[in-house]
Amino acid sequence: MIEVVVTILILYLIYKLVFDFVVPVARTTSHFKSQVNEMRRMQEEQMRKQQQQAQNPTQQSKPSSTKNTTTTDGEYIDFEDIK
């Protein structure tokens, strides 16, 4: 009788370990890997775009010429801390 209770207790502890620790860790790991792969893919895509722009400078867009920015040299606005 005691052997059955001990066996059931051990099986329960193994069940709890697997479903409360191992499965969530495995899910988190796979989620983290997929996010890292997505970030790597986006970074490679950005690098590819930059290389294409470097190879084709005539097709580059000119965002700095279309901006309407005004700068005033010598003008300083004092910054005050708000408490």
Protein backbone atom coordinates (compact mmCIF):
# COMPACT_ATOMS: atom_id res chain seq x y z
CA MET A 1 0.00 0.00 0.00
CA ILE A 2 2.79 2.43 0.87
CA GLU A 3 4.55 1.59 -2.40
CA VAL A 4 1.45 2.64 -4.37
CA VAL A 5 1.17 5.93 -2.47
CA VAL A 6 4.88 6.67 -2.98
CA THR A 7 4.61 5.81 -6.67
CA ILE A 8 1.58 8.07 -7.07
CA LEU A 9 3.37 10.86 -5.20
CA ILE A 10 6.45 10.54 -7.40
CA LEU A 11 4.34 10.52 -10.57
CA TYR A 12 2.47 13.61 -9.35
CA LEU A 13 5.74 15.44 -8.62
CA ILE A 14 7.11 14.53 -12.06
CA TYR A 15 3.84 15.74 -13.64
CA LYS A 16 4.03 19.06 -11.75
CA LEU A 17 7.69 19.50 -12.69
CA VAL A 18 7.04 18.90 -16.36
CA PHE A 19 3.89 21.00 -16.74
CA ASP A 20 4.76 23.81 -14.31
CA PHE A 21 8.43 24.23 -15.19
CA VAL A 22 9.65 22.42 -18.30
CA VAL A 23 6.77 23.34 -20.63
CA PRO A 24 6.76 27.08 -19.77
CA VAL A 25 10.55 27.24 -20.13
CA ALA A 26 10.34 25.52 -23.50
CA ARG A 27 7.61 27.93 -24.67
CA THR A 28 9.56 30.96 -23.48
CA THR A 29 12.71 29.71 -25.19
CA SER A 30 10.95 29.15 -28.49
CA HIS A 31 9.26 32.56 -28.26
CA PHE A 32 12.61 34.22 -27.53
CA LYS A 33 14.26 32.43 -30.45
CA SER A 34 11.51 33.54 -32.82
CA GLN A 35 11.89 37.17 -31.67
CA VAL A 36 15.67 37.02 -32.13
CA ASN A 37 15.22 35.55 -35.61
CA GLU A 38 12.71 38.30 -36.49
CA MET A 39 15.09 41.01 -35.30
CA ARG A 40 17.95 39.43 -37.25
CA ARG A 41 15.79 39.28 -40.38
CA MET A 42 14.84 42.95 -40.01
CA GLN A 43 18.47 43.93 -39.48
CA GLU A 44 19.56 42.02 -42.58
CA GLU A 45 16.78 43.68 -44.57
CA GLN A 46 17.96 47.10 -43.42
CA MET A 47 21.55 46.31 -44.34
CA ARG A 48 20.43 45.09 -47.75
CA LYS A 49 18.53 48.35 -48.34
CA GLN A 50 21.54 50.41 -47.28
CA GLN A 51 23.80 48.46 -49.63
CA GLN A 52 21.37 48.95 -52.50
CA GLN A 53 21.24 52.69 -51.79
CA ALA A 54 25.03 52.85 -51.67
CA GLN A 55 25.27 51.08 -55.02
CA ASN A 56 22.59 53.27 -56.63
CA PRO A 57 23.18 56.80 -55.32
CA THR A 58 21.20 58.42 -58.16
CA GLN A 59 18.00 56.65 -57.09
CA GLN A 60 18.31 57.80 -53.48
CA SER A 61 15.53 59.95 -52.18
CA LYS A 62 16.44 63.33 -50.73
CA PRO A 63 14.49 63.67 -47.49
CA SER A 64 16.71 66.47 -46.15
CA SER A 65 15.86 68.80 -49.06
CA THR A 66 12.11 68.40 -48.60
CA LYS A 67 12.13 69.21 -44.89
CA ASN A 68 11.14 72.69 -43.82
CA THR A 69 13.40 73.29 -40.85
CA THR A 70 14.46 76.61 -39.47
CA THR A 71 17.44 77.07 -37.22
CA THR A 72 18.36 80.20 -35.38
CA ASP A 73 22.01 80.43 -34.45
CA GLY A 74 22.85 82.19 -31.24
CA GLU A 75 19.40 81.90 -29.71
CA TYR A 76 19.27 80.02 -26.42
CA ILE A 77 16.21 79.08 -24.44
CA ASP A 78 16.88 78.64 -20.74
CA PHE A 79 15.72 75.34 -19.28
CA GLU A 80 14.00 75.36 -15.91
CA ASP A 81 13.52 72.38 -13.63
CA ILE A 82 9.94 71.80 -12.63
CA LYS A 83 9.60 70.50 -9.08
